[in-house]
Amino acid sequence: MTSPGDTEHPAPGRWLLLLLFLAICCAVAVVGAVAAGDAGSTYTSLRLPGWAPPGWLFGPVWTVLYATIAVAGWLIARTRRPGNRTALLWWSVQLVLNLAWTPLFFGAERYGLALVDILLLVTALIVTMVKFARLHTWAAVLLAPYLVWVSYASALNCSIWLANT
């Protein structure tokens, strides 16, 4: 949580920093989409559990999640307190693991390896949230829907791997 003694970037720099975090998350989304190829066709061709979401839902959900991921990172980056570099390192680790999942799952169709990646992502995300919570409560709270979605996606990934190998 921020406190009155925290120092922050000046106002113009603050908004440029937010644009940088949004651009980073947008780049992850675009690279993931390109690496996925025709993810929609791949997804519909799989044996899916009855609780699998419809393919059209992924785009809107990830758009919101990437925005919250960016804002959470920005909140930490603009607060200069001990531990924010470590927190941002964990933010970066979870984002790299996020980026790796799509090419593993859709591009390479390596569902087991994608499952390992997404479980590492859940772990890194939990660590990120703990680090964020020590610095800015809302930054951690903003990541909660992402954790719920990625946990659900982990179960879905596992189910798909077991049904399609």
N, C-alpha and C. Protein backbone atom coordinates (compact mmCIF):
# COMPACT_ATOMS: atom_id res chain seq x y z
N MET A 1 0.85 -1.16 0.00
CA MET A 1 0.00 0.00 0.00
C MET A 1 0.90 1.23 0.00
N THR A 2 0.47 2.25 -0.72
CA THR A 2 1.27 3.46 -0.74
C THR A 2 1.07 4.23 0.55
N SER A 3 2.06 5.00 0.90
CA SER A 3 1.97 5.83 2.09
C SER A 3 2.37 7.25 1.72
N PRO A 4 2.03 8.23 2.55
CA PRO A 4 2.31 9.63 2.22
C PRO A 4 3.77 9.92 1.92
N GLY A 5 4.69 9.16 2.46
CA GLY A 5 6.11 9.41 2.24
C GLY A 5 6.66 8.83 0.94
N ASP A 6 5.84 8.09 0.21
CA ASP A 6 6.31 7.50 -1.04
C ASP A 6 6.59 8.59 -2.07
N THR A 7 7.62 8.37 -2.86
CA THR A 7 7.89 9.28 -3.97
C THR A 7 7.42 8.62 -5.24
N GLU A 8 6.92 9.44 -6.14
CA GLU A 8 6.42 8.93 -7.40
C GLU A 8 7.05 9.71 -8.53
N HIS A 9 6.91 9.18 -9.75
CA HIS A 9 7.36 9.89 -10.93
C HIS A 9 6.51 11.15 -11.10
N PRO A 10 7.08 12.22 -11.67
CA PRO A 10 6.28 13.43 -11.94
C PRO A 10 5.10 13.08 -12.86
N ALA A 11 4.05 13.89 -12.82
CA ALA A 11 2.80 13.61 -13.55
C ALA A 11 3.00 13.27 -15.02
N PRO A 12 3.71 14.07 -15.84
CA PRO A 12 3.84 13.70 -17.26
C PRO A 12 4.55 12.35 -17.44
N GLY A 13 5.58 12.12 -16.66
CA GLY A 13 6.29 10.85 -16.74
C GLY A 13 5.44 9.68 -16.29
N ARG A 14 4.54 9.93 -15.36
CA ARG A 14 3.64 8.90 -14.86
C ARG A 14 2.79 8.34 -15.99
N TRP A 15 2.24 9.23 -16.84
CA TRP A 15 1.36 8.77 -17.92
C TRP A 15 2.15 8.11 -19.04
N LEU A 16 3.36 8.58 -19.28
CA LEU A 16 4.22 7.90 -20.27
C LEU A 16 4.58 6.50 -19.78
N LEU A 17 4.81 6.38 -18.49
CA LEU A 17 5.11 5.08 -17.90
C LEU A 17 3.92 4.12 -18.04
N LEU A 18 2.71 4.64 -17.84
CA LEU A 18 1.53 3.81 -18.04
C LEU A 18 1.45 3.34 -19.49
N LEU A 19 1.70 4.24 -20.43
CA LEU A 19 1.69 3.85 -21.85
C LEU A 19 2.73 2.77 -22.13
N LEU A 20 3.88 2.87 -21.48
CA LEU A 20 4.92 1.84 -21.65
C LEU A 20 4.42 0.49 -21.15
N PHE A 21 3.82 0.46 -19.99
CA PHE A 21 3.31 -0.81 -19.45
C PHE A 21 2.18 -1.37 -20.32
N LEU A 22 1.32 -0.50 -20.81
CA LEU A 22 0.26 -0.96 -21.72
C LEU A 22 0.87 -1.50 -23.02
N ALA A 23 1.90 -0.83 -23.53
CA ALA A 23 2.56 -1.28 -24.76
C ALA A 23 3.23 -2.65 -24.56
N ILE A 24 3.84 -2.84 -23.42
CA ILE A 24 4.48 -4.14 -23.13
C ILE A 24 3.43 -5.24 -23.13
N CYS A 25 2.33 -5.01 -22.45
CA CYS A 25 1.27 -6.03 -22.39
C CYS A 25 0.62 -6.24 -23.75
N CYS A 26 0.48 -5.17 -24.51
CA CYS A 26 -0.07 -5.29 -25.87
C CYS A 26 0.89 -6.11 -26.74
N ALA A 27 2.17 -5.88 -26.60
CA ALA A 27 3.15 -6.64 -27.38
C ALA A 27 3.08 -8.13 -27.04
N VAL A 28 2.93 -8.45 -25.77
CA VAL A 28 2.79 -9.85 -25.36
C VAL A 28 1.55 -10.45 -26.01
N ALA A 29 0.46 -9.71 -26.02
CA ALA A 29 -0.79 -10.20 -26.63
C ALA A 29 -0.62 -10.41 -28.13
N VAL A 30 0.02 -9.46 -28.81
CA VAL A 30 0.20 -9.57 -30.26
C VAL A 30 1.13 -10.71 -30.62
N VAL A 31 2.26 -10.81 -29.92
CA VAL A 31 3.20 -11.91 -30.19
C VAL A 31 2.52 -13.25 -29.93
N GLY A 32 1.75 -13.34 -28.86
CA GLY A 32 1.02 -14.57 -28.56
C GLY A 32 0.03 -14.91 -29.65
N ALA A 33 -0.68 -13.91 -30.15
CA ALA A 33 -1.67 -14.15 -31.21
C ALA A 33 -1.00 -14.61 -32.50
N VAL A 34 0.12 -14.00 -32.84
CA VAL A 34 0.86 -14.41 -34.05
C VAL A 34 1.40 -15.82 -33.88
N ALA A 35 1.96 -16.11 -32.71
CA ALA A 35 2.53 -17.44 -32.46
C ALA A 35 1.46 -18.52 -32.42
N ALA A 36 0.24 -18.15 -32.09
CA ALA A 36 -0.85 -19.12 -31.99
C ALA A 36 -1.32 -19.60 -33.35
N GLY A 37 -1.05 -18.81 -34.38
CA GLY A 37 -1.56 -19.18 -35.71
C GLY A 37 -3.08 -19.13 -35.69
N ASP A 38 -3.70 -20.17 -36.17
CA ASP A 38 -5.16 -20.24 -36.18
C ASP A 38 -5.63 -20.93 -34.91
N ALA A 39 -5.53 -20.22 -33.81
CA ALA A 39 -5.88 -20.78 -32.50
C ALA A 39 -7.33 -21.21 -32.43
N GLY A 40 -8.21 -20.47 -33.10
CA GLY A 40 -9.63 -20.80 -33.08
C GLY A 40 -9.90 -22.17 -33.66
N SER A 41 -9.28 -22.47 -34.79
CA SER A 41 -9.46 -23.78 -35.41
C SER A 41 -8.84 -24.88 -34.56
N THR A 42 -7.66 -24.60 -34.01
CA THR A 42 -7.02 -25.59 -33.15
C THR A 42 -7.90 -25.88 -31.95
N TYR A 43 -8.42 -24.83 -31.32
CA TYR A 43 -9.24 -24.98 -30.12
C TYR A 43 -10.49 -25.81 -30.41
N THR A 44 -11.18 -25.51 -31.50
CA THR A 44 -12.41 -26.25 -31.81
C THR A 44 -12.15 -27.68 -32.26
N SER A 45 -10.93 -27.96 -32.71
CA SER A 45 -10.61 -29.33 -33.14
C SER A 45 -10.24 -30.25 -31.98
N LEU A 46 -10.03 -29.67 -30.80
CA LEU A 46 -9.64 -30.46 -29.63
C LEU A 46 -10.84 -31.12 -28.96
N ARG A 47 -10.57 -32.23 -28.27
CA ARG A 47 -11.58 -32.79 -27.38
C ARG A 47 -11.57 -31.93 -26.12
N LEU A 48 -12.68 -31.21 -25.91
CA LEU A 48 -12.77 -30.25 -24.81
C LEU A 48 -13.74 -30.76 -23.75
N PRO A 49 -13.49 -30.43 -22.49
CA PRO A 49 -14.46 -30.78 -21.45
C PRO A 49 -15.72 -29.94 -21.62
N GLY A 50 -16.81 -30.38 -21.05
CA GLY A 50 -18.07 -29.65 -21.14
C GLY A 50 -18.01 -28.27 -20.51
N TRP A 51 -17.07 -28.05 -19.61
CA TRP A 51 -16.95 -26.77 -18.92
C TRP A 51 -15.97 -25.80 -19.61
N ALA A 52 -15.52 -26.18 -20.82
CA ALA A 52 -14.62 -25.30 -21.57
C ALA A 52 -15.39 -24.08 -22.08
N PRO A 53 -14.78 -22.91 -22.01
CA PRO A 53 -15.48 -21.72 -22.50
C PRO A 53 -15.53 -21.71 -24.04
N PRO A 54 -16.48 -20.98 -24.61
CA PRO A 54 -16.50 -20.84 -26.06
C PRO A 54 -15.28 -20.04 -26.53
N GLY A 55 -14.82 -20.34 -27.71
CA GLY A 55 -13.61 -19.69 -28.23
C GLY A 55 -13.69 -18.17 -28.29
N TRP A 56 -14.87 -17.64 -28.56
CA TRP A 56 -15.02 -16.18 -28.70
C TRP A 56 -14.76 -15.44 -27.39
N LEU A 57 -14.82 -16.13 -26.26
CA LEU A 57 -14.66 -15.48 -24.97
C LEU A 57 -13.22 -15.07 -24.66
N PHE A 58 -12.26 -15.77 -25.25
CA PHE A 58 -10.86 -15.52 -24.91
C PHE A 58 -10.39 -14.10 -25.23
N GLY A 59 -10.75 -13.58 -26.39
CA GLY A 59 -10.32 -12.23 -26.77
C GLY A 59 -10.76 -11.16 -25.79
N PRO A 60 -12.07 -11.07 -25.48
CA PRO A 60 -12.50 -10.05 -24.52
C PRO A 60 -11.89 -10.23 -23.13
N VAL A 61 -11.79 -11.47 -22.67
CA VAL A 61 -11.23 -11.70 -21.34
C VAL A 61 -9.78 -11.26 -21.29
N TRP A 62 -8.98 -11.66 -22.28
CA TRP A 62 -7.57 -11.30 -22.26
C TRP A 62 -7.35 -9.81 -22.46
N THR A 63 -8.22 -9.14 -23.20
CA THR A 63 -8.09 -7.69 -23.35
C THR A 63 -8.19 -7.01 -21.99
N VAL A 64 -9.18 -7.39 -21.21
CA VAL A 64 -9.35 -6.82 -19.86
C VAL A 64 -8.17 -7.22 -18.97
N LEU A 65 -7.79 -8.49 -19.03
CA LEU A 65 -6.71 -8.95 -18.14
C LEU A 65 -5.39 -8.26 -18.45
N TYR A 66 -5.05 -8.12 -19.73
CA TYR A 66 -3.79 -7.44 -20.06
C TYR A 66 -3.81 -5.98 -19.59
N ALA A 67 -4.97 -5.34 -19.66
CA ALA A 67 -5.06 -3.96 -19.16
C ALA A 67 -4.81 -3.92 -17.65
N THR A 68 -5.39 -4.86 -16.91
CA THR A 68 -5.19 -4.86 -15.46
C THR A 68 -3.76 -5.25 -15.09
N ILE A 69 -3.16 -6.14 -15.86
CA ILE A 69 -1.76 -6.50 -15.64
C ILE A 69 -0.87 -5.28 -15.82
N ALA A 70 -1.14 -4.51 -16.87
CA ALA A 70 -0.35 -3.30 -17.14
C ALA A 70 -0.52 -2.27 -16.03
N VAL A 71 -1.75 -2.01 -15.63
CA VAL A 71 -2.01 -1.01 -14.60
C VAL A 71 -1.37 -1.44 -13.27
N ALA A 72 -1.46 -2.72 -12.95
CA ALA A 72 -0.85 -3.21 -11.71
C ALA A 72 0.67 -2.98 -11.73
N GLY A 73 1.32 -3.32 -12.83
CA GLY A 73 2.75 -3.09 -12.95
C GLY A 73 3.10 -1.61 -12.87
N TRP A 74 2.28 -0.79 -13.50
CA TRP A 74 2.48 0.65 -13.48
C TRP A 74 2.38 1.21 -12.07
N LEU A 75 1.40 0.75 -11.31
CA LEU A 75 1.25 1.22 -9.93
C LEU A 75 2.50 0.94 -9.11
N ILE A 76 3.10 -0.21 -9.34
CA ILE A 76 4.32 -0.56 -8.61
C ILE A 76 5.51 0.25 -9.12
N ALA A 77 5.62 0.38 -10.44
CA ALA A 77 6.75 1.09 -11.03
C ALA A 77 6.79 2.56 -10.63
N ARG A 78 5.64 3.17 -10.45
CA ARG A 78 5.62 4.60 -10.13
C ARG A 78 5.82 4.87 -8.65
N THR A 79 5.80 3.85 -7.83
CA THR A 79 6.02 4.00 -6.39
C THR A 79 7.45 3.57 -6.10
N ARG A 80 8.22 4.48 -5.61
CA ARG A 80 9.63 4.18 -5.32
C ARG A 80 9.76 3.81 -3.85
N ARG A 81 9.70 2.51 -3.62
CA ARG A 81 9.83 1.99 -2.26
C ARG A 81 10.73 0.77 -2.31
N PRO A 82 11.37 0.45 -1.20
CA PRO A 82 12.20 -0.76 -1.17
C PRO A 82 11.36 -1.98 -1.57
N GLY A 83 11.89 -2.76 -2.47
CA GLY A 83 11.22 -3.97 -2.91
C GLY A 83 10.50 -3.84 -4.24
N ASN A 84 10.38 -2.60 -4.78
CA ASN A 84 9.62 -2.50 -6.02
C ASN A 84 10.37 -3.09 -7.21
N ARG A 85 11.69 -3.07 -7.20
CA ARG A 85 12.44 -3.70 -8.31
C ARG A 85 12.24 -5.21 -8.30
N THR A 86 12.28 -5.81 -7.13
CA THR A 86 12.04 -7.26 -7.03
C THR A 86 10.62 -7.59 -7.46
N ALA A 87 9.66 -6.78 -7.05
CA ALA A 87 8.27 -6.99 -7.45
C ALA A 87 8.12 -6.90 -8.96
N LEU A 88 8.78 -5.92 -9.57
CA LEU A 88 8.69 -5.76 -11.02
C LEU A 88 9.43 -6.88 -11.76
N LEU A 89 10.47 -7.41 -11.14
CA LEU A 89 11.14 -8.57 -11.73
C LEU A 89 10.17 -9.75 -11.78
N TRP A 90 9.44 -9.99 -10.70
CA TRP A 90 8.45 -11.07 -10.69
C TRP A 90 7.32 -10.79 -11.67
N TRP A 91 6.91 -9.53 -11.80
CA TRP A 91 5.91 -9.14 -12.79
C TRP A 91 6.40 -9.52 -14.20
N SER A 92 7.68 -9.27 -14.44
CA SER A 92 8.27 -9.60 -15.75
C SER A 92 8.34 -11.11 -15.96
N VAL A 93 8.70 -11.85 -14.93
CA VAL A 93 8.78 -13.32 -15.02
C VAL A 93 7.41 -13.90 -15.37
N GLN A 94 6.37 -13.46 -14.69
CA GLN A 94 5.04 -14.01 -14.97
C GLN A 94 4.61 -13.64 -16.39
N LEU A 95 5.00 -12.46 -16.86
CA LEU A 95 4.62 -12.04 -18.21
C LEU A 95 5.36 -12.87 -19.27
N VAL A 96 6.61 -13.20 -19.03
CA VAL A 96 7.36 -14.07 -19.95
C VAL A 96 6.74 -15.47 -19.98
N LEU A 97 6.37 -15.98 -18.82
CA LEU A 97 5.71 -17.29 -18.78
C LEU A 97 4.36 -17.24 -19.49
N ASN A 98 3.65 -16.13 -19.34
CA ASN A 98 2.39 -15.92 -20.05
C ASN A 98 2.65 -15.96 -21.56
N LEU A 99 3.67 -15.25 -22.00
CA LEU A 99 4.02 -15.19 -23.42
C LEU A 99 4.39 -16.57 -23.97
N ALA A 100 5.07 -17.37 -23.17
CA ALA A 100 5.52 -18.69 -23.64
C ALA A 100 4.38 -19.68 -23.81
N TRP A 101 3.30 -19.52 -23.06
CA TRP A 101 2.23 -20.51 -23.07
C TRP A 101 1.57 -20.66 -24.44
N THR A 102 1.22 -19.57 -25.08
CA THR A 102 0.47 -19.64 -26.35
C THR A 102 1.23 -20.39 -27.44
N PRO A 103 2.51 -20.08 -27.67
CA PRO A 103 3.22 -20.87 -28.69
C PRO A 103 3.37 -22.34 -28.32
N LEU A 104 3.52 -22.62 -27.03
CA LEU A 104 3.62 -24.02 -26.60
C LEU A 104 2.31 -24.76 -26.84
N PHE A 105 1.20 -24.15 -26.45
CA PHE A 105 -0.09 -24.81 -26.54
C PHE A 105 -0.61 -24.85 -27.97
N PHE A 106 -0.71 -23.70 -28.60
CA PHE A 106 -1.31 -23.63 -29.93
C PHE A 106 -0.31 -23.85 -31.05
N GLY A 107 0.85 -23.20 -30.97
CA GLY A 107 1.83 -23.30 -32.04
C GLY A 107 2.45 -24.69 -32.14
N ALA A 108 2.96 -25.19 -31.01
CA ALA A 108 3.65 -26.48 -31.00
C ALA A 108 2.74 -27.65 -30.62
N GLU A 109 1.55 -27.34 -30.13
CA GLU A 109 0.61 -28.36 -29.64
C GLU A 109 1.26 -29.30 -28.63
N ARG A 110 2.07 -28.70 -27.76
CA ARG A 110 2.75 -29.41 -26.67
C ARG A 110 1.98 -29.15 -25.38
N TYR A 111 0.86 -29.84 -25.23
CA TYR A 111 -0.07 -29.57 -24.14
C TYR A 111 0.53 -29.86 -22.77
N GLY A 112 1.34 -30.89 -22.66
CA GLY A 112 1.99 -31.21 -21.39
C GLY A 112 3.01 -30.15 -21.00
N LEU A 113 3.82 -29.73 -21.97
CA LEU A 113 4.80 -28.67 -21.70
C LEU A 113 4.09 -27.34 -21.41
N ALA A 114 3.00 -27.08 -22.10
CA ALA A 114 2.21 -25.88 -21.83
C ALA A 114 1.65 -25.92 -20.41
N LEU A 115 1.26 -27.11 -19.95
CA LEU A 115 0.76 -27.26 -18.58
C LEU A 115 1.86 -26.92 -17.56
N VAL A 116 3.06 -27.39 -17.80
CA VAL A 116 4.18 -27.05 -16.91
C VAL A 116 4.37 -25.53 -16.89
N ASP A 117 4.34 -24.93 -18.06
CA ASP A 117 4.51 -23.48 -18.16
C ASP A 117 3.42 -22.74 -17.39
N ILE A 118 2.17 -23.13 -17.57
CA ILE A 118 1.08 -22.40 -16.92
C ILE A 118 1.08 -22.60 -15.40
N LEU A 119 1.55 -23.76 -14.95
CA LEU A 119 1.67 -23.96 -13.50
C LEU A 119 2.80 -23.09 -12.92
N LEU A 120 3.87 -22.94 -13.68
CA LEU A 120 4.92 -22.00 -13.28
C LEU A 120 4.39 -20.57 -13.30
N LEU A 121 3.54 -20.26 -14.28
CA LEU A 121 2.92 -18.94 -14.36
C LEU A 121 2.06 -18.67 -13.13
N VAL A 122 1.25 -19.63 -12.73
CA VAL A 122 0.42 -19.45 -11.52
C VAL A 122 1.32 -19.18 -10.31
N THR A 123 2.39 -19.94 -10.19
CA THR A 123 3.32 -19.76 -9.07
C THR A 123 3.95 -18.37 -9.10
N ALA A 124 4.45 -17.97 -10.27
CA ALA A 124 5.08 -16.65 -10.40
C ALA A 124 4.07 -15.54 -10.16
N LEU A 125 2.85 -15.75 -10.57
CA LEU A 125 1.80 -14.75 -10.36
C LEU A 125 1.47 -14.60 -8.88
N ILE A 126 1.42 -15.70 -8.16
CA ILE A 126 1.18 -15.63 -6.72
C ILE A 126 2.32 -14.88 -6.02
N VAL A 127 3.55 -15.18 -6.40
CA VAL A 127 4.69 -14.47 -5.81
C VAL A 127 4.59 -12.98 -6.15
N THR A 128 4.26 -12.68 -7.40
CA THR A 128 4.10 -11.28 -7.82
C THR A 128 3.05 -10.57 -6.97
N MET A 129 1.92 -11.23 -6.77
CA MET A 129 0.85 -10.62 -5.98
C MET A 129 1.28 -10.37 -4.53
N VAL A 130 2.02 -11.30 -3.96
CA VAL A 130 2.51 -11.11 -2.59
C VAL A 130 3.47 -9.93 -2.54
N LYS A 131 4.38 -9.86 -3.49
CA LYS A 131 5.33 -8.74 -3.55
C LYS A 131 4.60 -7.41 -3.76
N PHE A 132 3.60 -7.42 -4.66
CA PHE A 132 2.83 -6.21 -4.93
C PHE A 132 2.05 -5.77 -3.69
N ALA A 133 1.45 -6.72 -2.99
CA ALA A 133 0.62 -6.39 -1.82
C ALA A 133 1.42 -5.65 -0.76
N ARG A 134 2.70 -5.94 -0.66
CA ARG A 134 3.56 -5.26 0.32
C ARG A 134 3.81 -3.80 -0.05
N LEU A 135 3.60 -3.49 -1.34
CA LEU A 135 3.92 -2.15 -1.83
C LEU A 135 2.69 -1.31 -2.16
N HIS A 136 1.67 -1.96 -2.68
CA HIS A 136 0.48 -1.24 -3.12
C HIS A 136 -0.67 -2.24 -3.21
N THR A 137 -1.59 -2.16 -2.27
CA THR A 137 -2.68 -3.13 -2.16
C THR A 137 -3.45 -3.28 -3.47
N TRP A 138 -3.80 -2.15 -4.08
CA TRP A 138 -4.61 -2.21 -5.30
C TRP A 138 -3.88 -2.87 -6.46
N ALA A 139 -2.57 -2.76 -6.51
CA ALA A 139 -1.81 -3.43 -7.57
C ALA A 139 -1.99 -4.94 -7.47
N ALA A 140 -1.98 -5.45 -6.24
CA ALA A 140 -2.19 -6.89 -6.03
C ALA A 140 -3.64 -7.27 -6.35
N VAL A 141 -4.57 -6.46 -5.92
CA VAL A 141 -5.99 -6.74 -6.16
C VAL A 141 -6.29 -6.78 -7.66
N LEU A 142 -5.67 -5.90 -8.42
CA LEU A 142 -5.88 -5.88 -9.87
C LEU A 142 -5.46 -7.18 -10.54
N LEU A 143 -4.55 -7.91 -9.92
CA LEU A 143 -4.08 -9.18 -10.50
C LEU A 143 -4.95 -10.37 -10.11
N ALA A 144 -5.88 -10.19 -9.18
CA ALA A 144 -6.72 -11.31 -8.72
C ALA A 144 -7.55 -11.94 -9.84
N PRO A 145 -8.23 -11.18 -10.70
CA PRO A 145 -8.98 -11.83 -11.79
C PRO A 145 -8.07 -12.62 -12.73
N TYR A 146 -6.88 -12.12 -12.95
CA TYR A 146 -5.88 -12.81 -13.77
C TYR A 146 -5.51 -14.15 -13.14
N LEU A 147 -5.30 -14.16 -11.83
CA LEU A 147 -4.99 -15.42 -11.14
C LEU A 147 -6.14 -16.40 -11.25
N VAL A 148 -7.36 -15.93 -11.09
CA VAL A 148 -8.53 -16.81 -11.22
C VAL A 148 -8.59 -17.39 -12.63
N TRP A 149 -8.42 -16.55 -13.65
CA TRP A 149 -8.51 -17.01 -15.04
C TRP A 149 -7.38 -18.01 -15.36
N VAL A 150 -6.17 -17.70 -14.94
CA VAL A 150 -5.03 -18.58 -15.24
C VAL A 150 -5.15 -19.89 -14.48
N SER A 151 -5.71 -19.86 -13.29
CA SER A 151 -5.94 -21.11 -12.55
C SER A 151 -6.97 -21.97 -13.28
N TYR A 152 -8.03 -21.34 -13.73
CA TYR A 152 -9.05 -22.04 -14.54
C TYR A 152 -8.42 -22.58 -15.83
N ALA A 153 -7.62 -21.76 -16.48
CA ALA A 153 -6.94 -22.19 -17.71
C ALA A 153 -5.99 -23.35 -17.45
N SER A 154 -5.40 -23.40 -16.26
CA SER A 154 -4.51 -24.52 -15.91
C SER A 154 -5.30 -25.83 -15.87
N ALA A 155 -6.45 -25.78 -15.24
CA ALA A 155 -7.31 -26.97 -15.18
C ALA A 155 -7.77 -27.36 -16.58
N LEU A 156 -8.12 -26.38 -17.39
CA LEU A 156 -8.53 -26.64 -18.77
C LEU A 156 -7.38 -27.24 -19.58
N ASN A 157 -6.19 -26.68 -19.43
CA ASN A 157 -5.00 -27.20 -20.10
C ASN A 157 -4.75 -28.65 -19.73
N CYS A 158 -4.86 -28.96 -18.45
CA CYS A 158 -4.65 -30.33 -17.98
C CYS A 158 -5.69 -31.27 -18.59
N SER A 159 -6.93 -30.85 -18.58
CA SER A 159 -8.01 -31.66 -19.14
C SER A 159 -7.80 -31.92 -20.62
N ILE A 160 -7.41 -30.87 -21.35
CA ILE A 160 -7.16 -31.01 -22.79
C ILE A 160 -5.98 -31.93 -23.04
N TRP A 161 -4.93 -31.78 -22.25
CA TRP A 161 -3.77 -32.64 -22.41
C TRP A 161 -4.14 -34.11 -22.20
N LEU A 162 -4.90 -34.39 -21.16
CA LEU A 162 -5.28 -35.77 -20.88
C LEU A 162 -6.23 -36.32 -21.93
N ALA A 163 -7.10 -35.50 -22.48
CA ALA A 163 -8.08 -35.98 -23.46
C ALA A 163 -7.55 -36.06 -24.88
N ASN A 164 -6.42 -35.39 -25.15
CA ASN A 164 -5.94 -35.31 -26.52
C ASN A 164 -4.55 -35.91 -26.73
N THR A 165 -4.10 -36.75 -25.79
CA THR A 165 -2.80 -37.40 -25.99
C THR A 165 -2.97 -38.89 -26.18
